[in-house]
Amino acid sequence: MTYRIALVCLGNICRSPIAHVVLDDRLARAGLDDRVEVSSSGTGGWHVGEPMDRRAAAVLRDAGYDPSRHRARTFSADWFAENDLVLAMDRSNLADIVDQAPAAGLREGHVRMFRAFDPEARDDDEVPDPWYGGADGFRDVLAMVERTTDGLVDRLPELLRDQL
């Protein structure tokens, strides 16, 4: 049985693709890549089919990751049935996701903030959008994503147990 995780930001060209690439890497390192599948999307459709932002790709490449396979997609209500866990990068994305929830409602814990797994997250549980900033913003997002992803992978055995 495959556990499916969806990562969602606004345009699916910066934050969620960075998280997707890093989570795929961490799952492979943990030997969980055969049990967990990752996808990413954006709540807006402006960039559908495009690769990730060149600055996001550069920060990933510089850190030793391969950003080349990403193509932007749009989140839709179908993703609720297709994924066991949907993680939003910020509160606006979370609201957009919840607005598309099926009439029957959401399962408890089905939709969460991505940084719910960040051991350093306190009052601010959002991943800031680096789009309007410089390279430092993308590096900061990568560090936040790596830390959060490590926390998520640490919790996956529990999440996988709960799925059974």
N, C-alpha and C. Protein backbone atom coordinates (compact mmCIF):
# COMPACT_ATOMS: atom_id res chain seq x y z
N MET A 1 0.84 -1.18 0.00
CA MET A 1 0.00 0.00 0.00
C MET A 1 0.89 1.25 0.00
N THR A 2 0.69 2.13 -0.93
CA THR A 2 1.49 3.34 -1.06
C THR A 2 0.83 4.50 -0.32
N TYR A 3 1.64 5.19 0.47
CA TYR A 3 1.20 6.39 1.18
C TYR A 3 1.53 7.57 0.28
N ARG A 4 0.58 8.45 0.04
CA ARG A 4 0.78 9.57 -0.90
C ARG A 4 0.73 10.91 -0.17
N ILE A 5 1.75 11.73 -0.45
CA ILE A 5 1.87 13.05 0.14
C ILE A 5 1.87 14.09 -0.97
N ALA A 6 1.02 15.10 -0.84
CA ALA A 6 0.97 16.21 -1.79
C ALA A 6 1.47 17.47 -1.10
N LEU A 7 2.32 18.21 -1.78
CA LEU A 7 2.88 19.47 -1.30
C LEU A 7 2.31 20.58 -2.15
N VAL A 8 1.77 21.63 -1.51
CA VAL A 8 1.03 22.65 -2.26
C VAL A 8 1.49 24.06 -1.89
N CYS A 9 1.80 24.84 -2.93
CA CYS A 9 2.08 26.27 -2.75
C CYS A 9 1.21 27.04 -3.73
N LEU A 10 1.60 28.23 -4.09
CA LEU A 10 0.77 29.07 -4.96
C LEU A 10 0.90 28.69 -6.44
N GLY A 11 2.11 28.77 -6.99
CA GLY A 11 2.27 28.54 -8.42
C GLY A 11 2.96 27.25 -8.79
N ASN A 12 3.42 26.50 -7.79
CA ASN A 12 4.12 25.23 -7.99
C ASN A 12 5.40 25.40 -8.81
N ILE A 13 6.09 26.52 -8.54
CA ILE A 13 7.38 26.71 -9.21
C ILE A 13 8.52 27.03 -8.23
N CYS A 14 8.21 27.24 -6.95
CA CYS A 14 9.26 27.56 -5.96
C CYS A 14 9.21 26.62 -4.76
N ARG A 15 8.32 26.91 -3.82
CA ARG A 15 8.33 26.21 -2.54
C ARG A 15 7.95 24.74 -2.62
N SER A 16 6.81 24.42 -3.20
CA SER A 16 6.41 23.01 -3.23
C SER A 16 7.33 22.16 -4.10
N PRO A 17 7.86 22.66 -5.22
CA PRO A 17 8.82 21.83 -5.95
C PRO A 17 10.13 21.62 -5.20
N ILE A 18 10.59 22.64 -4.47
CA ILE A 18 11.78 22.46 -3.65
C ILE A 18 11.51 21.36 -2.63
N ALA A 19 10.35 21.44 -1.96
CA ALA A 19 10.00 20.44 -0.97
C ALA A 19 9.85 19.05 -1.59
N HIS A 20 9.30 18.98 -2.78
CA HIS A 20 9.11 17.71 -3.48
C HIS A 20 10.46 17.04 -3.75
N VAL A 21 11.39 17.80 -4.29
CA VAL A 21 12.72 17.25 -4.61
C VAL A 21 13.43 16.79 -3.33
N VAL A 22 13.38 17.61 -2.29
CA VAL A 22 14.05 17.27 -1.04
C VAL A 22 13.39 16.05 -0.39
N LEU A 23 12.06 16.01 -0.37
CA LEU A 23 11.37 14.87 0.25
C LEU A 23 11.66 13.59 -0.52
N ASP A 24 11.66 13.63 -1.84
CA ASP A 24 12.03 12.44 -2.62
C ASP A 24 13.42 11.95 -2.22
N ASP A 25 14.36 12.87 -2.06
CA ASP A 25 15.72 12.53 -1.67
C ASP A 25 15.74 11.88 -0.28
N ARG A 26 15.05 12.49 0.67
CA ARG A 26 15.05 11.98 2.04
C ARG A 26 14.35 10.62 2.14
N LEU A 27 13.31 10.42 1.36
CA LEU A 27 12.63 9.12 1.36
C LEU A 27 13.55 8.02 0.82
N ALA A 28 14.29 8.33 -0.22
CA ALA A 28 15.24 7.35 -0.77
C ALA A 28 16.31 7.01 0.26
N ARG A 29 16.84 8.03 0.93
CA ARG A 29 17.86 7.80 1.96
C ARG A 29 17.34 6.95 3.11
N ALA A 30 16.06 7.14 3.45
CA ALA A 30 15.45 6.41 4.57
C ALA A 30 14.93 5.03 4.16
N GLY A 31 15.03 4.72 2.85
CA GLY A 31 14.51 3.44 2.37
C GLY A 31 13.00 3.38 2.34
N LEU A 32 12.36 4.53 2.25
CA LEU A 32 10.89 4.59 2.23
C LEU A 32 10.32 4.94 0.86
N ASP A 33 11.18 5.12 -0.12
CA ASP A 33 10.72 5.56 -1.43
C ASP A 33 9.84 4.52 -2.14
N ASP A 34 9.86 3.28 -1.68
CA ASP A 34 8.97 2.27 -2.26
C ASP A 34 7.61 2.24 -1.57
N ARG A 35 7.47 2.98 -0.46
CA ARG A 35 6.21 3.00 0.29
C ARG A 35 5.52 4.36 0.27
N VAL A 36 6.26 5.41 -0.11
CA VAL A 36 5.71 6.77 -0.08
C VAL A 36 5.92 7.43 -1.43
N GLU A 37 4.87 8.03 -1.94
CA GLU A 37 4.91 8.73 -3.23
C GLU A 37 4.61 10.21 -2.98
N VAL A 38 5.37 11.08 -3.64
CA VAL A 38 5.24 12.52 -3.44
C VAL A 38 4.80 13.19 -4.73
N SER A 39 3.94 14.18 -4.60
CA SER A 39 3.55 15.03 -5.72
C SER A 39 3.49 16.47 -5.22
N SER A 40 3.49 17.39 -6.14
CA SER A 40 3.35 18.80 -5.74
C SER A 40 2.46 19.51 -6.75
N SER A 41 1.89 20.62 -6.26
CA SER A 41 0.99 21.39 -7.12
C SER A 41 0.88 22.81 -6.56
N GLY A 42 0.21 23.65 -7.34
CA GLY A 42 -0.06 25.01 -6.92
C GLY A 42 -1.55 25.25 -6.91
N THR A 43 -1.98 26.21 -6.11
CA THR A 43 -3.41 26.54 -6.08
C THR A 43 -3.79 27.43 -7.27
N GLY A 44 -2.81 28.04 -7.91
CA GLY A 44 -3.04 28.84 -9.10
C GLY A 44 -2.49 28.12 -10.32
N GLY A 45 -3.08 28.38 -11.47
CA GLY A 45 -2.70 27.65 -12.68
C GLY A 45 -1.82 28.39 -13.66
N TRP A 46 -1.20 29.48 -13.23
CA TRP A 46 -0.45 30.33 -14.15
C TRP A 46 0.74 29.63 -14.80
N HIS A 47 1.34 28.67 -14.11
CA HIS A 47 2.60 28.09 -14.58
C HIS A 47 2.49 26.63 -15.00
N VAL A 48 1.29 26.13 -15.21
CA VAL A 48 1.10 24.72 -15.53
C VAL A 48 2.01 24.31 -16.69
N GLY A 49 2.72 23.21 -16.47
CA GLY A 49 3.61 22.66 -17.50
C GLY A 49 5.01 23.24 -17.51
N GLU A 50 5.23 24.30 -16.76
CA GLU A 50 6.54 24.95 -16.75
C GLU A 50 7.47 24.26 -15.75
N PRO A 51 8.79 24.38 -15.97
CA PRO A 51 9.74 23.89 -14.97
C PRO A 51 9.72 24.82 -13.76
N MET A 52 10.41 24.43 -12.71
CA MET A 52 10.44 25.30 -11.53
C MET A 52 11.23 26.57 -11.84
N ASP A 53 11.02 27.57 -11.02
CA ASP A 53 11.71 28.84 -11.14
C ASP A 53 13.22 28.58 -11.21
N ARG A 54 13.91 29.30 -12.07
CA ARG A 54 15.35 29.07 -12.27
C ARG A 54 16.15 29.27 -11.00
N ARG A 55 15.70 30.19 -10.12
CA ARG A 55 16.40 30.42 -8.86
C ARG A 55 16.20 29.25 -7.89
N ALA A 56 15.01 28.69 -7.89
CA ALA A 56 14.74 27.51 -7.06
C ALA A 56 15.57 26.33 -7.56
N ALA A 57 15.60 26.15 -8.87
CA ALA A 57 16.39 25.06 -9.46
C ALA A 57 17.88 25.24 -9.14
N ALA A 58 18.36 26.46 -9.22
CA ALA A 58 19.78 26.73 -8.96
C ALA A 58 20.15 26.41 -7.52
N VAL A 59 19.32 26.81 -6.56
CA VAL A 59 19.63 26.54 -5.16
C VAL A 59 19.61 25.03 -4.89
N LEU A 60 18.72 24.31 -5.54
CA LEU A 60 18.69 22.86 -5.40
C LEU A 60 19.94 22.22 -6.01
N ARG A 61 20.29 22.63 -7.23
CA ARG A 61 21.49 22.09 -7.89
C ARG A 61 22.74 22.37 -7.06
N ASP A 62 22.85 23.59 -6.55
CA ASP A 62 24.01 23.96 -5.72
C ASP A 62 24.12 23.09 -4.47
N ALA A 63 22.99 22.59 -3.99
CA ALA A 63 22.97 21.75 -2.79
C ALA A 63 23.06 20.25 -3.13
N GLY A 64 23.20 19.93 -4.43
CA GLY A 64 23.38 18.55 -4.84
C GLY A 64 22.13 17.79 -5.21
N TYR A 65 21.01 18.49 -5.40
CA TYR A 65 19.75 17.86 -5.80
C TYR A 65 19.54 18.01 -7.31
N ASP A 66 18.65 17.18 -7.86
CA ASP A 66 18.30 17.26 -9.28
C ASP A 66 16.90 17.85 -9.45
N PRO A 67 16.81 19.12 -9.90
CA PRO A 67 15.50 19.76 -10.06
C PRO A 67 14.89 19.60 -11.45
N SER A 68 15.50 18.82 -12.31
CA SER A 68 15.16 18.84 -13.74
C SER A 68 13.83 18.20 -14.10
N ARG A 69 13.29 17.33 -13.28
CA ARG A 69 12.07 16.60 -13.67
C ARG A 69 10.77 17.34 -13.41
N HIS A 70 10.81 18.42 -12.67
CA HIS A 70 9.59 19.10 -12.25
C HIS A 70 8.87 19.81 -13.40
N ARG A 71 7.53 19.67 -13.41
CA ARG A 71 6.64 20.44 -14.28
C ARG A 71 5.46 20.85 -13.41
N ALA A 72 5.13 22.13 -13.44
CA ALA A 72 4.08 22.68 -12.57
C ALA A 72 2.71 22.07 -12.88
N ARG A 73 1.96 21.84 -11.81
CA ARG A 73 0.60 21.30 -11.89
C ARG A 73 -0.30 22.14 -10.99
N THR A 74 -1.61 21.99 -11.17
CA THR A 74 -2.59 22.72 -10.36
C THR A 74 -3.32 21.75 -9.44
N PHE A 75 -3.48 22.17 -8.19
CA PHE A 75 -4.25 21.40 -7.21
C PHE A 75 -5.72 21.40 -7.61
N SER A 76 -6.38 20.26 -7.43
CA SER A 76 -7.82 20.18 -7.66
C SER A 76 -8.45 19.31 -6.58
N ALA A 77 -9.75 19.32 -6.49
CA ALA A 77 -10.47 18.54 -5.48
C ALA A 77 -10.15 17.05 -5.56
N ASP A 78 -9.78 16.55 -6.73
CA ASP A 78 -9.42 15.14 -6.89
C ASP A 78 -8.25 14.74 -6.00
N TRP A 79 -7.40 15.70 -5.67
CA TRP A 79 -6.21 15.40 -4.88
C TRP A 79 -6.55 14.92 -3.48
N PHE A 80 -7.73 15.26 -2.96
CA PHE A 80 -8.12 14.78 -1.63
C PHE A 80 -8.22 13.26 -1.62
N ALA A 81 -8.83 12.69 -2.63
CA ALA A 81 -8.99 11.24 -2.71
C ALA A 81 -7.69 10.55 -3.07
N GLU A 82 -6.83 11.23 -3.81
CA GLU A 82 -5.59 10.63 -4.31
C GLU A 82 -4.45 10.67 -3.31
N ASN A 83 -4.56 11.48 -2.25
CA ASN A 83 -3.45 11.67 -1.32
C ASN A 83 -3.88 11.42 0.12
N ASP A 84 -2.96 10.85 0.89
CA ASP A 84 -3.20 10.58 2.30
C ASP A 84 -2.91 11.80 3.16
N LEU A 85 -2.00 12.65 2.69
CA LEU A 85 -1.59 13.83 3.44
C LEU A 85 -1.36 14.97 2.45
N VAL A 86 -2.01 16.10 2.69
CA VAL A 86 -1.85 17.29 1.84
C VAL A 86 -1.24 18.38 2.73
N LEU A 87 -0.08 18.88 2.31
CA LEU A 87 0.66 19.85 3.11
C LEU A 87 0.75 21.19 2.39
N ALA A 88 0.25 22.23 3.03
CA ALA A 88 0.24 23.59 2.47
C ALA A 88 1.46 24.37 2.94
N MET A 89 1.99 25.20 2.06
CA MET A 89 3.18 25.98 2.39
C MET A 89 2.84 27.25 3.18
N ASP A 90 1.63 27.79 3.01
CA ASP A 90 1.25 28.96 3.80
C ASP A 90 -0.26 28.94 4.07
N ARG A 91 -0.71 29.86 4.90
CA ARG A 91 -2.12 29.90 5.32
C ARG A 91 -3.06 30.20 4.15
N SER A 92 -2.64 31.01 3.22
CA SER A 92 -3.47 31.30 2.04
C SER A 92 -3.66 30.04 1.20
N ASN A 93 -2.58 29.28 1.00
CA ASN A 93 -2.69 28.02 0.27
C ASN A 93 -3.60 27.05 1.02
N LEU A 94 -3.46 27.01 2.35
CA LEU A 94 -4.30 26.14 3.17
C LEU A 94 -5.78 26.48 2.98
N ALA A 95 -6.10 27.76 3.01
CA ALA A 95 -7.49 28.19 2.82
C ALA A 95 -8.00 27.80 1.43
N ASP A 96 -7.16 27.99 0.41
CA ASP A 96 -7.56 27.61 -0.95
C ASP A 96 -7.80 26.11 -1.08
N ILE A 97 -6.98 25.33 -0.41
CA ILE A 97 -7.13 23.87 -0.43
C ILE A 97 -8.43 23.47 0.26
N VAL A 98 -8.63 23.99 1.46
CA VAL A 98 -9.82 23.63 2.24
C VAL A 98 -11.10 24.05 1.51
N ASP A 99 -11.05 25.17 0.79
CA ASP A 99 -12.22 25.61 0.01
C ASP A 99 -12.63 24.58 -1.04
N GLN A 100 -11.71 23.74 -1.47
CA GLN A 100 -12.00 22.73 -2.49
C GLN A 100 -12.36 21.37 -1.89
N ALA A 101 -12.42 21.29 -0.56
CA ALA A 101 -12.67 20.01 0.11
C ALA A 101 -14.01 19.43 -0.31
N PRO A 102 -14.09 18.11 -0.35
CA PRO A 102 -15.36 17.46 -0.71
C PRO A 102 -16.45 17.78 0.31
N ALA A 103 -17.68 17.68 -0.12
CA ALA A 103 -18.82 18.01 0.73
C ALA A 103 -18.85 17.16 2.00
N ALA A 104 -18.32 15.94 1.93
CA ALA A 104 -18.31 15.05 3.09
C ALA A 104 -17.31 15.52 4.14
N GLY A 105 -16.50 16.50 3.81
CA GLY A 105 -15.54 17.04 4.77
C GLY A 105 -14.18 16.36 4.68
N LEU A 106 -13.29 16.82 5.52
CA LEU A 106 -11.92 16.32 5.53
C LEU A 106 -11.71 15.37 6.69
N ARG A 107 -10.88 14.37 6.46
CA ARG A 107 -10.46 13.50 7.56
C ARG A 107 -9.54 14.29 8.47
N GLU A 108 -9.55 13.98 9.74
CA GLU A 108 -8.66 14.64 10.68
C GLU A 108 -7.21 14.41 10.29
N GLY A 109 -6.45 15.48 10.20
CA GLY A 109 -5.04 15.38 9.86
C GLY A 109 -4.74 15.23 8.38
N HIS A 110 -5.76 15.21 7.54
CA HIS A 110 -5.57 15.02 6.10
C HIS A 110 -4.86 16.22 5.47
N VAL A 111 -5.22 17.42 5.90
CA VAL A 111 -4.62 18.65 5.38
C VAL A 111 -3.95 19.36 6.55
N ARG A 112 -2.68 19.69 6.37
CA ARG A 112 -1.91 20.35 7.42
C ARG A 112 -0.97 21.38 6.79
N MET A 113 -0.40 22.16 7.66
CA MET A 113 0.67 23.05 7.23
C MET A 113 1.94 22.20 7.11
N PHE A 114 2.73 22.44 6.08
CA PHE A 114 3.98 21.72 5.87
C PHE A 114 4.88 21.81 7.09
N ARG A 115 4.98 23.01 7.65
CA ARG A 115 5.89 23.21 8.78
C ARG A 115 5.36 22.64 10.10
N ALA A 116 4.24 21.95 10.07
CA ALA A 116 3.79 21.23 11.26
C ALA A 116 4.84 20.19 11.67
N PHE A 117 5.73 19.84 10.75
CA PHE A 117 6.77 18.86 11.00
C PHE A 117 8.13 19.50 11.27
N ASP A 118 8.18 20.83 11.33
CA ASP A 118 9.43 21.57 11.55
C ASP A 118 9.66 21.73 13.05
N PRO A 119 10.74 21.14 13.57
CA PRO A 119 10.98 21.26 15.01
C PRO A 119 11.27 22.69 15.46
N GLU A 120 11.59 23.59 14.53
CA GLU A 120 11.87 24.97 14.89
C GLU A 120 10.69 25.91 14.67
N ALA A 121 9.59 25.41 14.11
CA ALA A 121 8.42 26.25 13.87
C ALA A 121 7.76 26.57 15.20
N ARG A 122 7.44 27.81 15.38
CA ARG A 122 6.74 28.23 16.59
C ARG A 122 5.44 28.91 16.18
N ASP A 123 5.35 30.20 16.35
CA ASP A 123 4.14 30.92 15.96
C ASP A 123 4.03 31.07 14.45
N ASP A 124 5.17 31.12 13.76
CA ASP A 124 5.16 31.28 12.31
C ASP A 124 5.33 29.91 11.67
N ASP A 125 4.23 29.37 11.13
CA ASP A 125 4.29 28.04 10.54
C ASP A 125 4.22 28.07 9.02
N GLU A 126 4.53 29.22 8.42
CA GLU A 126 4.49 29.35 6.97
C GLU A 126 5.89 29.26 6.37
N VAL A 127 5.95 28.73 5.16
CA VAL A 127 7.17 28.79 4.36
C VAL A 127 7.04 30.06 3.52
N PRO A 128 7.92 31.04 3.73
CA PRO A 128 7.78 32.30 3.00
C PRO A 128 8.00 32.12 1.50
N ASP A 129 7.27 32.87 0.71
CA ASP A 129 7.40 32.79 -0.73
C ASP A 129 8.64 33.60 -1.16
N PRO A 130 9.66 32.94 -1.73
CA PRO A 130 10.89 33.64 -2.09
C PRO A 130 10.82 34.35 -3.44
N TRP A 131 9.71 34.23 -4.14
CA TRP A 131 9.57 34.73 -5.51
C TRP A 131 10.04 36.17 -5.70
N TYR A 132 9.67 37.07 -4.79
CA TYR A 132 9.96 38.49 -4.97
C TYR A 132 11.32 38.91 -4.40
N GLY A 133 12.02 37.98 -3.77
CA GLY A 133 13.30 38.32 -3.16
C GLY A 133 14.47 37.83 -3.99
N GLY A 134 15.61 37.85 -3.35
CA GLY A 134 16.84 37.43 -4.00
C GLY A 134 17.19 35.99 -3.68
N ALA A 135 18.42 35.62 -4.00
CA ALA A 135 18.90 34.26 -3.81
C ALA A 135 18.87 33.83 -2.35
N ASP A 136 19.08 34.76 -1.42
CA ASP A 136 19.07 34.42 0.00
C ASP A 136 17.72 33.82 0.41
N GLY A 137 16.64 34.35 -0.13
CA GLY A 137 15.32 33.83 0.19
C GLY A 137 15.16 32.38 -0.23
N PHE A 138 15.70 32.03 -1.37
CA PHE A 138 15.62 30.64 -1.84
C PHE A 138 16.49 29.72 -0.97
N ARG A 139 17.65 30.20 -0.57
CA ARG A 139 18.50 29.42 0.33
C ARG A 139 17.83 29.23 1.69
N ASP A 140 17.19 30.28 2.19
CA ASP A 140 16.47 30.18 3.47
C ASP A 140 15.32 29.17 3.37
N VAL A 141 14.59 29.20 2.27
CA VAL A 141 13.50 28.26 2.06
C VAL A 141 14.04 26.84 1.99
N LEU A 142 15.14 26.63 1.28
CA LEU A 142 15.72 25.29 1.20
C LEU A 142 16.10 24.78 2.59
N ALA A 143 16.74 25.61 3.40
CA ALA A 143 17.12 25.19 4.76
C ALA A 143 15.89 24.83 5.58
N MET A 144 14.83 25.63 5.48
CA MET A 144 13.58 25.38 6.20
C MET A 144 12.95 24.08 5.70
N VAL A 145 12.95 23.87 4.40
CA VAL A 145 12.38 22.66 3.80
C VAL A 145 13.17 21.43 4.22
N GLU A 146 14.49 21.51 4.20
CA GLU A 146 15.29 20.35 4.61
C GLU A 146 15.02 19.97 6.06
N ARG A 147 14.97 20.94 6.91
CA ARG A 147 14.71 20.70 8.33
C ARG A 147 13.30 20.11 8.53
N THR A 148 12.32 20.67 7.86
CA THR A 148 10.94 20.20 7.98
C THR A 148 10.79 18.81 7.40
N THR A 149 11.43 18.57 6.28
CA THR A 149 11.36 17.27 5.63
C THR A 149 11.98 16.19 6.51
N ASP A 150 13.09 16.52 7.16
CA ASP A 150 13.69 15.56 8.09
C ASP A 150 12.70 15.22 9.21
N GLY A 151 11.99 16.23 9.72
CA GLY A 151 10.98 15.99 10.74
C GLY A 151 9.84 15.13 10.23
N LEU A 152 9.42 15.37 9.00
CA LEU A 152 8.35 14.59 8.39
C LEU A 152 8.77 13.13 8.22
N VAL A 153 9.97 12.91 7.70
CA VAL A 153 10.45 11.55 7.50
C VAL A 153 10.57 10.82 8.84
N ASP A 154 10.97 11.52 9.88
CA ASP A 154 11.02 10.92 11.22
C ASP A 154 9.64 10.46 11.68
N ARG A 155 8.61 11.18 11.29
CA ARG A 155 7.23 10.85 11.70
C ARG A 155 6.54 9.85 10.78
N LEU A 156 7.12 9.58 9.62
CA LEU A 156 6.46 8.70 8.65
C LEU A 156 6.16 7.30 9.17
N PRO A 157 7.03 6.66 9.94
CA PRO A 157 6.64 5.33 10.44
C PRO A 157 5.31 5.36 11.19
N GLU A 158 5.09 6.40 11.98
CA GLU A 158 3.82 6.55 12.70
C GLU A 158 2.67 6.77 11.72
N LEU A 159 2.86 7.63 10.73
CA LEU A 159 1.81 7.91 9.75
C LEU A 159 1.50 6.66 8.93
N LEU A 160 2.52 5.89 8.58
CA LEU A 160 2.31 4.67 7.81
C LEU A 160 1.57 3.63 8.65
N ARG A 161 1.88 3.55 9.93
CA ARG A 161 1.18 2.63 10.84
C ARG A 161 -0.30 3.00 10.94
N ASP A 162 -0.57 4.32 11.03
CA ASP A 162 -1.95 4.79 11.13
C ASP A 162 -2.76 4.47 9.88
N GLN A 163 -2.09 4.32 8.76
CA GLN A 163 -2.77 4.04 7.49
C GLN A 163 -3.29 2.61 7.44
N LEU A 164 -2.65 1.70 8.14
CA LEU A 164 -3.03 0.28 8.08
C LEU A 164 -4.34 0.00 8.78
